[in-house]
N, C-alpha and C. Protein backbone atom coordinates (compact mmCIF):
# COMPACT_ATOMS: atom_id res chain seq x y z
N UNK A 1 148.23 -0.27 47.49
CA UNK A 1 147.77 0.95 48.09
C UNK A 1 146.39 0.76 48.74
N UNK A 2 145.46 0.03 48.05
CA UNK A 2 144.18 -0.15 48.60
C UNK A 2 144.25 -0.97 49.87
N UNK A 3 145.14 -1.89 49.97
CA UNK A 3 145.33 -2.73 51.24
C UNK A 3 145.75 -1.89 52.34
N UNK A 4 146.73 -0.92 52.11
CA UNK A 4 147.14 0.02 53.13
C UNK A 4 146.03 0.92 53.61
N UNK A 5 145.25 1.43 52.67
CA UNK A 5 144.09 2.28 53.01
C UNK A 5 143.11 1.51 53.90
N UNK A 6 142.82 0.27 53.52
CA UNK A 6 141.90 -0.54 54.27
C UNK A 6 142.40 -0.79 55.69
N UNK A 7 143.69 -1.12 55.74
CA UNK A 7 144.33 -1.33 57.07
C UNK A 7 144.27 -0.14 57.96
N UNK A 8 144.57 1.11 57.32
CA UNK A 8 144.53 2.32 58.05
C UNK A 8 143.03 2.60 58.64
N UNK A 9 142.05 2.25 57.80
CA UNK A 9 140.65 2.51 58.28
C UNK A 9 140.30 1.52 59.37
N UNK A 10 140.81 0.34 59.28
CA UNK A 10 140.50 -0.62 60.34
C UNK A 10 141.18 -0.23 61.63
N UNK A 11 142.40 0.24 61.63
CA UNK A 11 143.11 0.74 62.79
C UNK A 11 142.38 1.96 63.36
N UNK A 12 141.96 2.84 62.48
CA UNK A 12 141.21 4.02 62.94
C UNK A 12 139.92 3.67 63.60
N UNK A 13 139.25 2.70 63.03
CA UNK A 13 137.94 2.30 63.62
C UNK A 13 138.19 1.68 64.99
N UNK A 14 139.28 0.87 65.12
CA UNK A 14 139.59 0.23 66.42
C UNK A 14 139.94 1.29 67.46
N UNK A 15 140.61 2.32 67.08
CA UNK A 15 140.91 3.38 67.99
C UNK A 15 139.83 4.29 68.43
N UNK A 16 138.79 4.31 67.70
CA UNK A 16 137.62 5.18 67.98
C UNK A 16 136.49 4.43 68.84
N UNK A 17 136.79 3.11 69.21
CA UNK A 17 135.80 2.46 70.04
C UNK A 17 135.84 3.02 71.48
N UNK A 18 134.72 3.12 72.09
CA UNK A 18 134.57 3.66 73.41
C UNK A 18 134.72 2.49 74.37
N UNK A 19 135.62 2.59 75.31
CA UNK A 19 135.84 1.49 76.29
C UNK A 19 134.71 1.38 77.22
N UNK A 20 134.48 0.09 77.67
CA UNK A 20 133.42 -0.15 78.60
C UNK A 20 133.88 0.26 80.03
N UNK A 21 133.02 0.97 80.79
CA UNK A 21 133.43 1.27 82.14
C UNK A 21 133.29 0.06 83.03
N UNK A 22 133.95 0.05 84.18
CA UNK A 22 133.81 -1.08 85.10
C UNK A 22 132.43 -1.21 85.65
N UNK A 23 131.83 -0.05 85.95
CA UNK A 23 130.43 -0.10 86.48
C UNK A 23 129.47 0.61 85.55
N UNK A 24 128.95 1.77 86.02
CA UNK A 24 127.96 2.53 85.22
C UNK A 24 128.62 3.87 84.90
N UNK A 25 128.11 4.50 83.88
CA UNK A 25 128.60 5.84 83.53
C UNK A 25 127.89 6.79 84.54
N UNK A 26 128.67 7.61 85.23
CA UNK A 26 128.19 8.41 86.33
C UNK A 26 127.92 9.85 85.96
N UNK A 27 128.30 10.31 84.83
CA UNK A 27 128.07 11.79 84.46
C UNK A 27 128.31 11.94 83.02
N UNK A 28 128.03 13.12 82.44
CA UNK A 28 128.10 13.47 81.09
C UNK A 28 127.52 12.35 80.22
N UNK A 29 126.19 12.20 80.39
CA UNK A 29 125.46 11.07 79.84
C UNK A 29 125.36 11.20 78.28
N UNK A 30 125.35 12.43 77.77
CA UNK A 30 125.28 12.64 76.33
C UNK A 30 126.63 12.74 75.72
N UNK A 31 127.17 11.51 75.38
CA UNK A 31 128.52 11.40 74.86
C UNK A 31 128.59 10.10 74.09
N UNK A 32 129.71 9.95 73.37
CA UNK A 32 129.87 8.67 72.62
C UNK A 32 129.75 7.46 73.50
N UNK A 33 129.12 6.43 73.07
CA UNK A 33 128.91 5.20 73.85
C UNK A 33 129.59 4.04 73.23
N UNK A 34 129.81 2.94 74.00
CA UNK A 34 130.43 1.72 73.39
C UNK A 34 129.41 1.12 72.41
N UNK A 35 129.87 0.06 71.77
CA UNK A 35 129.03 -0.52 70.73
C UNK A 35 128.14 -1.73 71.31
N UNK A 36 128.27 -1.96 72.59
CA UNK A 36 127.43 -2.97 73.25
C UNK A 36 127.28 -2.73 74.76
N UNK A 37 126.37 -3.47 75.33
CA UNK A 37 126.15 -3.35 76.72
C UNK A 37 126.31 -4.79 77.29
N UNK A 38 127.15 -5.02 78.31
CA UNK A 38 127.26 -6.31 78.92
C UNK A 38 125.88 -6.84 79.34
N UNK A 39 125.57 -8.09 78.94
CA UNK A 39 124.24 -8.64 79.26
C UNK A 39 123.12 -8.29 78.42
N UNK A 40 123.33 -7.47 77.40
CA UNK A 40 122.27 -7.04 76.50
C UNK A 40 122.67 -7.21 75.03
N UNK A 41 121.72 -7.14 74.15
CA UNK A 41 121.95 -7.28 72.78
C UNK A 41 121.68 -5.91 72.18
N UNK A 42 122.58 -5.30 71.34
CA UNK A 42 122.36 -4.09 70.68
C UNK A 42 121.54 -4.35 69.48
N UNK A 43 120.47 -3.46 69.27
CA UNK A 43 119.58 -3.69 68.09
C UNK A 43 119.53 -2.40 67.30
N UNK A 44 119.29 -2.56 65.98
CA UNK A 44 119.09 -1.53 65.02
C UNK A 44 117.65 -1.02 65.09
N UNK A 45 117.31 0.00 64.49
CA UNK A 45 115.94 0.48 64.40
C UNK A 45 115.05 -0.60 63.80
N UNK A 46 115.53 -1.23 62.67
CA UNK A 46 114.71 -2.25 62.02
C UNK A 46 114.54 -3.39 62.89
N UNK A 47 115.51 -3.85 63.66
CA UNK A 47 115.32 -4.97 64.58
C UNK A 47 114.36 -4.58 65.71
N UNK A 48 114.46 -3.35 66.16
CA UNK A 48 113.55 -2.83 67.18
C UNK A 48 112.11 -2.82 66.73
N UNK A 49 111.85 -2.42 65.53
CA UNK A 49 110.53 -2.46 64.96
C UNK A 49 110.00 -3.87 64.93
N UNK A 50 110.89 -4.82 64.52
CA UNK A 50 110.43 -6.20 64.47
C UNK A 50 110.11 -6.75 65.87
N UNK A 51 110.89 -6.39 66.88
CA UNK A 51 110.69 -6.82 68.27
C UNK A 51 109.43 -6.13 68.78
N UNK A 52 109.19 -4.85 68.42
CA UNK A 52 107.94 -4.19 68.89
C UNK A 52 106.72 -4.94 68.32
N UNK A 53 106.80 -5.35 67.06
CA UNK A 53 105.71 -6.09 66.47
C UNK A 53 105.45 -7.38 67.20
N UNK A 54 106.49 -7.95 67.78
CA UNK A 54 106.43 -9.18 68.54
C UNK A 54 106.04 -9.00 70.06
N UNK A 55 105.81 -7.74 70.45
CA UNK A 55 105.41 -7.47 71.83
C UNK A 55 106.48 -7.07 72.81
N UNK A 56 107.66 -6.73 72.34
CA UNK A 56 108.68 -6.29 73.27
C UNK A 56 108.24 -5.06 73.95
N UNK A 57 108.76 -4.87 75.17
CA UNK A 57 108.41 -3.68 75.99
C UNK A 57 109.49 -2.66 75.80
N UNK A 58 109.11 -1.48 75.35
CA UNK A 58 110.03 -0.37 75.07
C UNK A 58 110.13 0.48 76.32
N UNK A 59 111.36 0.78 76.78
CA UNK A 59 111.52 1.55 78.04
C UNK A 59 112.48 2.70 77.76
N UNK A 60 111.87 3.85 77.92
CA UNK A 60 112.57 5.12 77.77
C UNK A 60 113.07 5.60 79.19
N UNK A 61 114.46 5.76 79.28
CA UNK A 61 114.95 6.02 80.57
C UNK A 61 115.62 7.39 80.62
N UNK A 62 115.20 8.25 79.74
CA UNK A 62 115.79 9.63 79.70
C UNK A 62 115.52 10.27 81.03
N UNK A 63 116.42 11.13 81.46
CA UNK A 63 116.22 11.85 82.74
C UNK A 63 115.05 12.81 82.74
N UNK A 64 114.59 13.10 83.92
CA UNK A 64 113.44 14.00 84.05
C UNK A 64 113.84 15.47 83.83
N UNK A 65 115.08 15.76 84.17
CA UNK A 65 115.50 17.17 84.09
C UNK A 65 114.51 18.11 84.81
N UNK A 66 114.00 19.07 84.06
CA UNK A 66 113.09 19.98 84.60
C UNK A 66 111.68 19.68 84.14
N UNK A 67 111.45 18.54 83.61
CA UNK A 67 110.20 18.12 83.03
C UNK A 67 109.23 17.53 84.04
N UNK A 68 109.74 17.05 85.17
CA UNK A 68 108.86 16.34 86.13
C UNK A 68 109.04 16.79 87.56
N UNK A 69 108.08 16.62 88.35
CA UNK A 69 108.14 16.74 89.77
C UNK A 69 107.37 15.67 90.46
N UNK A 70 107.72 15.26 91.60
CA UNK A 70 106.97 14.21 92.37
C UNK A 70 105.76 14.87 92.98
N UNK A 71 104.67 14.08 92.87
CA UNK A 71 103.43 14.54 93.53
C UNK A 71 103.36 14.05 94.96
N UNK A 72 102.45 14.47 95.76
CA UNK A 72 102.35 14.07 97.14
C UNK A 72 102.04 12.56 97.32
N UNK A 73 101.34 12.03 96.26
CA UNK A 73 100.97 10.60 96.44
C UNK A 73 102.04 9.66 95.80
N UNK A 74 103.22 10.23 95.45
CA UNK A 74 104.30 9.39 94.92
C UNK A 74 104.29 9.27 93.37
N UNK A 75 103.31 9.82 92.73
CA UNK A 75 103.18 9.76 91.28
C UNK A 75 104.07 10.92 90.70
N UNK A 76 103.82 11.20 89.45
CA UNK A 76 104.60 12.21 88.77
C UNK A 76 103.68 13.30 88.23
N UNK A 77 104.13 14.50 88.25
CA UNK A 77 103.48 15.64 87.65
C UNK A 77 104.31 16.08 86.52
N UNK A 78 103.85 16.04 85.28
CA UNK A 78 104.56 16.52 84.14
C UNK A 78 104.52 18.03 84.01
N UNK A 79 105.67 18.61 83.86
CA UNK A 79 105.78 20.06 83.71
C UNK A 79 105.81 20.43 82.24
N UNK A 80 106.35 19.50 81.43
CA UNK A 80 106.52 19.76 80.01
C UNK A 80 106.26 18.42 79.30
N UNK A 81 105.56 18.43 78.14
CA UNK A 81 105.32 17.12 77.43
C UNK A 81 106.64 16.42 77.01
N UNK A 82 106.53 15.12 77.03
CA UNK A 82 107.76 14.31 76.67
C UNK A 82 107.29 13.38 75.46
N UNK A 83 107.97 13.47 74.38
CA UNK A 83 107.68 12.65 73.26
C UNK A 83 108.69 11.59 73.19
N UNK A 84 108.18 10.38 72.75
CA UNK A 84 108.97 9.22 72.66
C UNK A 84 108.43 8.23 71.64
N UNK A 85 108.96 7.04 71.66
CA UNK A 85 108.49 5.99 70.76
C UNK A 85 107.10 5.60 71.18
N UNK A 86 106.09 5.62 70.29
CA UNK A 86 104.76 5.22 70.72
C UNK A 86 104.64 3.90 71.38
N UNK A 87 103.87 3.83 72.42
CA UNK A 87 103.68 2.61 73.26
C UNK A 87 104.80 2.33 74.17
N UNK A 88 105.79 3.16 74.26
CA UNK A 88 106.88 2.95 75.21
C UNK A 88 106.48 3.42 76.64
N UNK A 89 107.27 3.00 77.58
CA UNK A 89 107.04 3.47 78.89
C UNK A 89 108.21 4.27 79.41
N UNK A 90 107.93 5.37 80.04
CA UNK A 90 108.98 6.30 80.42
C UNK A 90 109.21 6.01 81.94
N UNK A 91 110.46 5.61 82.25
CA UNK A 91 110.93 5.44 83.61
C UNK A 91 111.97 6.48 83.83
N UNK A 92 111.60 7.69 84.23
CA UNK A 92 112.50 8.80 84.38
C UNK A 92 113.68 8.51 85.32
N UNK A 93 114.85 8.87 84.90
CA UNK A 93 116.01 8.96 85.73
C UNK A 93 116.63 7.57 86.13
N UNK A 94 116.08 6.43 85.75
CA UNK A 94 116.64 5.16 86.12
C UNK A 94 117.83 4.83 85.31
N UNK A 95 118.22 5.63 84.33
CA UNK A 95 119.45 5.45 83.57
C UNK A 95 120.65 6.17 84.19
N UNK A 96 120.42 6.77 85.33
CA UNK A 96 121.59 7.54 85.96
C UNK A 96 122.60 6.49 86.41
N UNK A 97 123.88 6.93 86.61
CA UNK A 97 124.87 6.01 87.07
C UNK A 97 124.67 5.44 88.48
N UNK A 98 124.28 6.29 89.33
CA UNK A 98 123.95 5.92 90.75
C UNK A 98 122.50 6.31 91.04
N UNK A 99 121.80 5.28 91.49
CA UNK A 99 120.32 5.54 91.74
C UNK A 99 120.17 5.71 93.28
N UNK A 100 119.25 6.57 93.58
CA UNK A 100 118.89 6.66 95.01
C UNK A 100 118.12 5.34 95.44
N UNK A 101 117.98 5.11 96.64
CA UNK A 101 117.20 3.94 97.11
C UNK A 101 115.74 3.99 96.51
N UNK A 102 115.14 5.16 96.47
CA UNK A 102 113.83 5.28 95.86
C UNK A 102 113.75 5.03 94.40
N UNK A 103 114.75 5.51 93.73
CA UNK A 103 114.91 5.29 92.20
C UNK A 103 115.10 3.79 91.94
N UNK A 104 115.91 3.18 92.74
CA UNK A 104 116.16 1.74 92.54
C UNK A 104 114.92 0.89 92.78
N UNK A 105 114.19 1.18 93.85
CA UNK A 105 112.95 0.52 94.14
C UNK A 105 111.91 0.78 93.03
N UNK A 106 111.88 2.00 92.55
CA UNK A 106 111.02 2.29 91.46
C UNK A 106 111.34 1.46 90.20
N UNK A 107 112.62 1.40 89.85
CA UNK A 107 113.04 0.65 88.72
C UNK A 107 112.76 -0.82 88.88
N UNK A 108 113.04 -1.38 90.01
CA UNK A 108 112.75 -2.81 90.20
C UNK A 108 111.28 -3.10 90.11
N UNK A 109 110.41 -2.27 90.74
CA UNK A 109 108.95 -2.54 90.73
C UNK A 109 108.39 -2.28 89.34
N UNK A 110 108.89 -1.24 88.70
CA UNK A 110 108.35 -1.00 87.31
C UNK A 110 108.71 -2.15 86.36
N UNK A 111 109.89 -2.62 86.44
CA UNK A 111 110.33 -3.77 85.56
C UNK A 111 109.46 -4.96 85.87
N UNK A 112 109.29 -5.27 87.13
CA UNK A 112 108.46 -6.38 87.50
C UNK A 112 107.03 -6.32 86.98
N UNK A 113 106.50 -5.15 87.06
CA UNK A 113 105.11 -4.90 86.50
C UNK A 113 105.08 -4.99 84.97
N UNK A 114 106.03 -4.35 84.35
CA UNK A 114 106.06 -4.33 82.91
C UNK A 114 106.41 -5.64 82.29
N UNK A 115 107.03 -6.49 83.05
CA UNK A 115 107.37 -7.85 82.53
C UNK A 115 106.36 -8.92 83.08
N UNK A 116 105.46 -8.46 83.86
CA UNK A 116 104.51 -9.46 84.51
C UNK A 116 105.30 -10.51 85.28
N UNK A 117 106.44 -10.07 85.93
CA UNK A 117 107.27 -10.92 86.77
C UNK A 117 107.98 -11.98 85.91
N UNK A 118 108.08 -11.80 84.64
CA UNK A 118 108.72 -12.75 83.77
C UNK A 118 110.14 -12.20 83.29
N UNK A 119 111.17 -12.76 83.82
CA UNK A 119 112.52 -12.31 83.50
C UNK A 119 112.94 -12.60 82.07
N UNK A 120 112.07 -13.33 81.34
CA UNK A 120 112.37 -13.61 79.87
C UNK A 120 111.73 -12.55 78.94
N UNK A 121 110.94 -11.71 79.51
CA UNK A 121 110.22 -10.64 78.70
C UNK A 121 111.30 -9.81 77.93
N UNK A 122 110.97 -9.51 76.75
CA UNK A 122 111.89 -8.74 75.88
C UNK A 122 111.77 -7.33 76.37
N UNK A 123 112.90 -6.70 76.77
CA UNK A 123 112.85 -5.33 77.24
C UNK A 123 113.85 -4.56 76.40
N UNK A 124 113.44 -3.48 75.78
CA UNK A 124 114.26 -2.63 74.88
C UNK A 124 114.44 -1.30 75.57
N UNK A 125 115.70 -0.98 75.94
CA UNK A 125 116.04 0.24 76.59
C UNK A 125 116.56 1.26 75.58
N UNK A 126 116.16 2.52 75.77
CA UNK A 126 116.61 3.60 74.85
C UNK A 126 116.41 4.91 75.58
N UNK A 127 116.99 5.91 75.00
CA UNK A 127 116.77 7.38 75.30
C UNK A 127 117.07 8.12 74.04
N UNK A 128 118.23 8.76 73.94
CA UNK A 128 118.66 9.43 72.80
C UNK A 128 119.86 8.76 72.21
N UNK A 129 120.17 9.22 70.96
CA UNK A 129 121.40 8.71 70.28
C UNK A 129 122.58 9.12 71.10
N UNK A 130 123.57 8.29 71.25
CA UNK A 130 124.78 8.56 72.10
C UNK A 130 124.45 8.98 73.47
N UNK A 131 123.63 8.22 74.13
CA UNK A 131 123.20 8.59 75.52
C UNK A 131 123.51 7.38 76.45
N UNK A 132 124.24 7.65 77.50
CA UNK A 132 124.68 6.62 78.42
C UNK A 132 123.51 6.24 79.32
N UNK A 133 122.53 6.98 79.46
CA UNK A 133 121.41 6.56 80.32
C UNK A 133 120.81 5.23 79.86
N UNK A 134 120.54 5.06 78.57
CA UNK A 134 120.03 3.81 78.09
C UNK A 134 120.98 2.69 78.27
N UNK A 135 122.28 2.94 78.15
CA UNK A 135 123.35 1.97 78.29
C UNK A 135 123.28 1.55 79.78
N UNK A 136 123.23 2.47 80.68
CA UNK A 136 123.18 2.13 82.16
C UNK A 136 121.95 1.36 82.46
N UNK A 137 120.75 1.81 81.92
CA UNK A 137 119.48 1.07 82.23
C UNK A 137 119.49 -0.31 81.73
N UNK A 138 119.95 -0.59 80.52
CA UNK A 138 120.10 -1.97 80.00
C UNK A 138 121.01 -2.81 80.83
N UNK A 139 122.14 -2.27 81.21
CA UNK A 139 123.09 -2.99 81.99
C UNK A 139 122.50 -3.34 83.37
N UNK A 140 121.85 -2.35 83.97
CA UNK A 140 121.20 -2.61 85.29
C UNK A 140 120.11 -3.64 85.24
N UNK A 141 119.32 -3.65 84.20
CA UNK A 141 118.24 -4.66 84.03
C UNK A 141 118.94 -6.08 83.84
N UNK A 142 119.95 -6.17 83.08
CA UNK A 142 120.65 -7.46 82.88
C UNK A 142 121.26 -7.92 84.27
N UNK A 143 121.80 -6.95 85.03
CA UNK A 143 122.33 -7.33 86.28
C UNK A 143 121.26 -7.84 87.22
N UNK A 144 120.01 -7.28 87.08
CA UNK A 144 118.88 -7.76 87.89
C UNK A 144 118.39 -9.03 87.49
N UNK A 145 118.90 -9.66 86.53
CA UNK A 145 118.56 -11.05 86.08
C UNK A 145 117.62 -11.18 84.90
N UNK A 146 117.29 -10.01 84.25
CA UNK A 146 116.49 -10.04 83.05
C UNK A 146 117.25 -10.70 81.91
N UNK A 147 116.69 -11.58 81.23
CA UNK A 147 117.47 -12.37 80.21
C UNK A 147 117.36 -11.95 78.75
N UNK A 148 116.34 -11.17 78.51
CA UNK A 148 116.08 -10.70 77.11
C UNK A 148 116.19 -9.11 77.06
N UNK A 149 117.31 -8.67 77.32
CA UNK A 149 117.51 -7.24 77.44
C UNK A 149 118.17 -6.80 76.08
N UNK A 150 117.58 -5.62 75.58
CA UNK A 150 118.04 -5.13 74.26
C UNK A 150 118.36 -3.65 74.46
N UNK A 151 119.30 -3.13 73.70
CA UNK A 151 119.66 -1.74 73.79
C UNK A 151 119.50 -1.19 72.35
N UNK A 152 118.70 -0.08 72.32
CA UNK A 152 118.52 0.58 71.11
C UNK A 152 119.36 1.87 71.14
N UNK A 153 120.61 1.74 70.74
CA UNK A 153 121.62 2.74 70.92
C UNK A 153 121.20 4.03 70.12
N UNK A 154 120.46 3.92 69.00
CA UNK A 154 120.15 5.12 68.24
C UNK A 154 118.93 5.86 68.87
N UNK A 155 118.32 5.30 69.87
CA UNK A 155 117.33 6.01 70.64
C UNK A 155 116.11 6.57 69.82
N UNK A 156 115.43 7.45 70.55
CA UNK A 156 114.18 7.96 69.83
C UNK A 156 114.54 8.89 68.67
N UNK A 157 115.71 9.54 68.75
CA UNK A 157 116.14 10.35 67.56
C UNK A 157 116.38 9.49 66.35
N UNK A 158 116.98 8.38 66.51
CA UNK A 158 117.27 7.48 65.45
C UNK A 158 115.95 6.88 64.88
N UNK A 159 115.07 6.63 65.79
CA UNK A 159 113.70 6.18 65.49
C UNK A 159 113.00 7.12 64.50
N UNK A 160 112.99 8.38 64.92
CA UNK A 160 112.36 9.46 64.14
C UNK A 160 113.12 9.70 62.86
N UNK A 161 114.43 9.67 62.83
CA UNK A 161 115.24 9.83 61.61
C UNK A 161 114.92 8.79 60.57
N UNK A 162 114.53 7.56 61.10
CA UNK A 162 114.18 6.41 60.16
C UNK A 162 112.79 6.56 59.67
N UNK A 163 112.03 7.66 60.04
CA UNK A 163 110.78 7.84 59.51
C UNK A 163 109.57 7.40 60.35
N UNK A 164 109.86 6.94 61.57
CA UNK A 164 108.84 6.46 62.45
C UNK A 164 108.40 7.64 63.34
N UNK A 165 107.08 7.62 63.74
CA UNK A 165 106.57 8.78 64.46
C UNK A 165 106.94 8.68 65.92
N UNK A 166 106.84 9.75 66.56
CA UNK A 166 106.96 9.92 68.07
C UNK A 166 105.56 10.30 68.58
N UNK A 167 105.34 9.98 69.88
CA UNK A 167 104.10 10.34 70.53
C UNK A 167 104.37 10.83 71.88
N UNK A 168 103.44 11.62 72.49
CA UNK A 168 103.62 12.09 73.83
C UNK A 168 103.34 10.92 74.76
N UNK A 169 104.23 10.72 75.73
CA UNK A 169 103.98 9.73 76.75
C UNK A 169 104.15 10.36 78.19
N UNK A 170 103.66 9.69 79.12
CA UNK A 170 103.80 10.14 80.55
C UNK A 170 104.62 9.17 81.35
N UNK A 171 105.17 9.60 82.47
CA UNK A 171 105.97 8.69 83.28
C UNK A 171 105.14 7.52 83.78
N UNK A 172 105.77 6.37 83.86
CA UNK A 172 105.09 5.23 84.34
C UNK A 172 104.91 5.21 85.82
N UNK A 173 103.70 5.01 86.29
CA UNK A 173 103.36 4.97 87.66
C UNK A 173 103.23 3.51 88.13
N UNK A 174 103.83 3.14 89.22
CA UNK A 174 103.78 1.87 89.77
C UNK A 174 102.41 1.60 90.43
N UNK A 175 101.86 0.44 90.13
CA UNK A 175 100.64 0.12 90.86
C UNK A 175 100.92 -0.30 92.22
N UNK A 176 100.21 0.19 93.17
CA UNK A 176 100.42 -0.11 94.58
C UNK A 176 99.72 -1.36 94.97
């Protein structure tokens, strides 16, 4: 009987896996996600803490929603505070399925600056638990040729649930 129960649980677990899309997730970003990102390594909160201690760059890709507006000089004006993992960089909206040309340029330039042009730099992408934006961001960075891409699927809410603090951060501005 125990063997049948175990077999049933294994089949149930296999049926509950989220299939990988061919490209990027284009809508309904807050939904169950696959267990991995092509070209990236999925990390736990504990692994992320270890990588943070080793100097990994944490990148929050949550959408701006009604929290931001563009300023005349191309920077960002925060309408509402955004809390995230301390020391992380917020690249708003780059986790969307389709980026505008401006968003794509912003993402490329921001990653180049944050990595000091080193495609081996450890980059950890996150947003919220069960959020496709971080999945899209990690996949996009790997597609751009970054070799040490990590995905923190539990996001900032998993970080906080594990007892780690959050801090207010502002959107990353590209140096001209």
